[in-house]
Amino acid sequence: MRDPKKTKGTASGAPGSKGSASADSAASTDGGYNAGMAVFSYIIGGIIVWSLIGWGLDYLWGTRWIVLAGALLGAVGGFYLSHMHGLTSSRKHADERHAPSAPSTDGEDNAK
């Protein structure tokens, strides 16, 4: 894959070539994958960290259930962090809708 910083144009040096356009579109389509990996990292990281904290407390206090509570707390905390960072939403902006929520305003009644 070409480096978009190095590809400024065609071989003649003209800006706006197909090579730079395809690099821009490829970078914009990776957003869902990158967001998914970030959500996965937050959740797995939370589970690992809080499980280790729970395991340490279990070792100190002689119990066996705190590690499970820590894993659950880590998973919930990781999802919460990814939600607060806006990674779990399918919309780009909070007010953007995929489809109109009101009836059509074209004047035609499609009801039968």
C-alpha atoms as a PDB file:
ATOM      1  CA  MET A   1       0.000   0.000   0.000  1.00  0.00           C
ATOM      2  CA  ARG A   2       1.247   3.443  -0.838  1.00  0.00           C
ATOM      3  CA  ASP A   3       2.081   6.050   1.734  1.00  0.00           C
ATOM      4  CA  PRO A   4      -0.503   8.878   1.303  1.00  0.00           C
ATOM      5  CA  LYS A   5       2.071  11.430   2.471  1.00  0.00           C
ATOM      6  CA  LYS A   6       4.436  10.501  -0.345  1.00  0.00           C
ATOM      7  CA  THR A   7       1.765  10.238  -3.050  1.00  0.00           C
ATOM      8  CA  LYS A   8       0.923  13.823  -3.896  1.00  0.00           C
ATOM      9  CA  GLY A   9      -0.099  13.212  -7.493  1.00  0.00           C
ATOM     10  CA  THR A  10       0.588  11.215 -10.648  1.00  0.00           C
ATOM     11  CA  ALA A  11       3.972  10.563 -12.151  1.00  0.00           C
ATOM     12  CA  SER A  12       3.839  14.033 -13.709  1.00  0.00           C
ATOM     13  CA  GLY A  13       3.209  15.529 -10.271  1.00  0.00           C
ATOM     14  CA  ALA A  14      -0.350  16.731 -10.919  1.00  0.00           C
ATOM     15  CA  PRO A  15      -2.385  16.866  -7.718  1.00  0.00           C
ATOM     16  CA  GLY A  16      -5.739  15.095  -7.444  1.00  0.00           C
ATOM     17  CA  SER A  17      -4.821  11.811  -9.089  1.00  0.00           C
ATOM     18  CA  LYS A  18      -6.638   8.529  -8.626  1.00  0.00           C
ATOM     19  CA  GLY A  19      -3.853   7.233  -6.369  1.00  0.00           C
ATOM     20  CA  SER A  20      -4.413   9.879  -3.719  1.00  0.00           C
ATOM     21  CA  ALA A  21      -8.203   9.517  -3.938  1.00  0.00           C
ATOM     22  CA  SER A  22      -8.039   5.778  -3.353  1.00  0.00           C
ATOM     23  CA  ALA A  23      -5.707   6.300  -0.390  1.00  0.00           C
ATOM     24  CA  ASP A  24      -8.170   8.778   1.131  1.00  0.00           C
ATOM     25  CA  SER A  25     -11.124   6.431   0.642  1.00  0.00           C
ATOM     26  CA  ALA A  26      -9.180   3.508   2.094  1.00  0.00           C
ATOM     27  CA  ALA A  27      -8.355   5.556   5.189  1.00  0.00           C
ATOM     28  CA  SER A  28     -11.981   6.557   5.654  1.00  0.00           C
ATOM     29  CA  THR A  29     -13.296   2.981   5.432  1.00  0.00           C
ATOM     30  CA  ASP A  30     -11.043   1.747   8.258  1.00  0.00           C
ATOM     31  CA  GLY A  31     -12.983   3.754  10.863  1.00  0.00           C
ATOM     32  CA  GLY A  32     -15.321   0.912  11.777  1.00  0.00           C
ATOM     33  CA  TYR A  33     -12.491  -1.573  12.118  1.00  0.00           C
ATOM     34  CA  ASN A  34     -10.422   0.814  14.226  1.00  0.00           C
ATOM     35  CA  ALA A  35     -13.387   1.620  16.463  1.00  0.00           C
ATOM     36  CA  GLY A  36     -14.083  -2.088  16.898  1.00  0.00           C
ATOM     37  CA  MET A  37     -10.501  -2.762  17.853  1.00  0.00           C
ATOM     38  CA  ALA A  38     -10.596   0.115  20.348  1.00  0.00           C
ATOM     39  CA  VAL A  39     -13.785  -1.248  21.962  1.00  0.00           C
ATOM     40  CA  PHE A  40     -12.234  -4.720  22.092  1.00  0.00           C
ATOM     41  CA  SER A  41      -9.069  -3.311  23.676  1.00  0.00           C
ATOM     42  CA  TYR A  42     -10.979  -1.349  26.319  1.00  0.00           C
ATOM     43  CA  ILE A  43     -13.069  -4.366  27.324  1.00  0.00           C
ATOM     44  CA  ILE A  44     -10.231  -6.908  27.340  1.00  0.00           C
ATOM     45  CA  GLY A  45      -7.909  -4.456  29.080  1.00  0.00           C
ATOM     46  CA  GLY A  46     -10.520  -3.763  31.747  1.00  0.00           C
ATOM     47  CA  ILE A  47     -11.108  -7.462  32.313  1.00  0.00           C
ATOM     48  CA  ILE A  48      -7.377  -8.158  32.660  1.00  0.00           C
ATOM     49  CA  VAL A  49      -6.613  -5.227  34.970  1.00  0.00           C
ATOM     50  CA  TRP A  50      -9.588  -5.660  37.282  1.00  0.00           C
ATOM     51  CA  SER A  51      -9.193  -9.457  37.357  1.00  0.00           C
ATOM     52  CA  LEU A  52      -5.605  -9.011  38.511  1.00  0.00           C
ATOM     53  CA  ILE A  53      -6.737  -6.555  41.179  1.00  0.00           C
ATOM     54  CA  GLY A  54      -9.423  -9.045  42.258  1.00  0.00           C
ATOM     55  CA  TRP A  55      -6.920 -11.878  42.261  1.00  0.00           C
ATOM     56  CA  GLY A  56      -4.613  -9.847  44.516  1.00  0.00           C
ATOM     57  CA  LEU A  57      -7.437  -9.058  46.908  1.00  0.00           C
ATOM     58  CA  ASP A  58      -8.495 -12.724  46.891  1.00  0.00           C
ATOM     59  CA  TYR A  59      -4.943 -13.703  47.784  1.00  0.00           C
ATOM     60  CA  LEU A  60      -4.759 -11.171  50.610  1.00  0.00           C
ATOM     61  CA  TRP A  61      -8.182 -11.873  52.080  1.00  0.00           C
ATOM     62  CA  GLY A  62      -8.360 -15.628  51.409  1.00  0.00           C
ATOM     63  CA  THR A  63     -11.489 -15.480  49.248  1.00  0.00           C
ATOM     64  CA  ARG A  64     -12.196 -16.821  45.757  1.00  0.00           C
ATOM     65  CA  TRP A  65     -14.996 -14.659  44.347  1.00  0.00           C
ATOM     66  CA  ILE A  66     -13.472 -11.181  44.068  1.00  0.00           C
ATOM     67  CA  VAL A  67     -11.576 -12.108  40.898  1.00  0.00           C
ATOM     68  CA  LEU A  68     -14.907 -12.813  39.157  1.00  0.00           C
ATOM     69  CA  ALA A  69     -16.382  -9.555  40.409  1.00  0.00           C
ATOM     70  CA  GLY A  70     -13.266  -7.781  39.131  1.00  0.00           C
ATOM     71  CA  ALA A  71     -13.619  -9.375  35.686  1.00  0.00           C
ATOM     72  CA  LEU A  72     -17.267  -8.310  35.491  1.00  0.00           C
ATOM     73  CA  LEU A  73     -16.419  -4.809  36.689  1.00  0.00           C
ATOM     74  CA  GLY A  74     -13.631  -4.602  34.096  1.00  0.00           C
ATOM     75  CA  ALA A  75     -15.924  -5.646  31.237  1.00  0.00           C
ATOM     76  CA  VAL A  76     -18.612  -3.159  32.251  1.00  0.00           C
ATOM     77  CA  GLY A  77     -16.033  -0.426  32.773  1.00  0.00           C
ATOM     78  CA  GLY A  78     -14.420  -1.094  29.386  1.00  0.00           C
ATOM     79  CA  PHE A  79     -17.766  -0.901  27.615  1.00  0.00           C
ATOM     80  CA  TYR A  80     -18.609   2.274  29.526  1.00  0.00           C
ATOM     81  CA  LEU A  81     -15.322   3.905  28.499  1.00  0.00           C
ATOM     82  CA  SER A  82     -15.787   2.948  24.857  1.00  0.00           C
ATOM     83  CA  HIS A  83     -19.353   4.281  24.963  1.00  0.00           C
ATOM     84  CA  MET A  84     -18.214   7.565  26.490  1.00  0.00           C
ATOM     85  CA  HIS A  85     -15.568   7.904  23.775  1.00  0.00           C
ATOM     86  CA  GLY A  86     -18.313   7.497  21.174  1.00  0.00           C
ATOM     87  CA  LEU A  87     -17.004   4.219  19.790  1.00  0.00           C
ATOM     88  CA  THR A  88     -20.153   2.141  20.224  1.00  0.00           C
ATOM     89  CA  SER A  89     -22.492   4.409  18.284  1.00  0.00           C
ATOM     90  CA  SER A  90     -23.266   3.646  14.645  1.00  0.00           C
ATOM     91  CA  ARG A  91     -24.007   7.312  13.966  1.00  0.00           C
ATOM     92  CA  LYS A  92     -21.293   9.836  13.229  1.00  0.00           C
ATOM     93  CA  HIS A  93     -23.029  12.633  15.138  1.00  0.00           C
ATOM     94  CA  ALA A  94     -25.499  12.382  17.992  1.00  0.00           C
ATOM     95  CA  ASP A  95     -28.284  14.213  16.124  1.00  0.00           C
ATOM     96  CA  GLU A  96     -27.809  12.464  12.763  1.00  0.00           C
ATOM     97  CA  ARG A  97     -30.488   9.937  11.800  1.00  0.00           C
ATOM     98  CA  HIS A  98     -30.252   7.165   9.223  1.00  0.00           C
ATOM     99  CA  ALA A  99     -33.830   7.578   8.034  1.00  0.00           C
ATOM    100  CA  PRO A 100     -36.356  10.373   8.432  1.00  0.00           C
ATOM    101  CA  SER A 101     -38.585   9.934  11.441  1.00  0.00           C
ATOM    102  CA  ALA A 102     -41.535  11.899  10.022  1.00  0.00           C
ATOM    103  CA  PRO A 103     -43.870  11.031   7.156  1.00  0.00           C
ATOM    104  CA  SER A 104     -42.875  11.967   3.631  1.00  0.00           C
ATOM    105  CA  THR A 105     -43.484  15.581   2.683  1.00  0.00           C
ATOM    106  CA  ASP A 106     -43.719  15.047  -1.073  1.00  0.00           C
ATOM    107  CA  GLY A 107     -47.515  15.378  -1.037  1.00  0.00           C
ATOM    108  CA  GLU A 108     -48.270  11.852  -2.171  1.00  0.00           C
ATOM    109  CA  ASP A 109     -50.148   9.457   0.063  1.00  0.00           C
ATOM    110  CA  ASN A 110     -48.702   5.951  -0.233  1.00  0.00           C
ATOM    111  CA  ALA A 111     -51.221   4.371   2.148  1.00  0.00           C
ATOM    112  CA  LYS A 112     -53.542   1.766   0.606  1.00  0.00           C
END
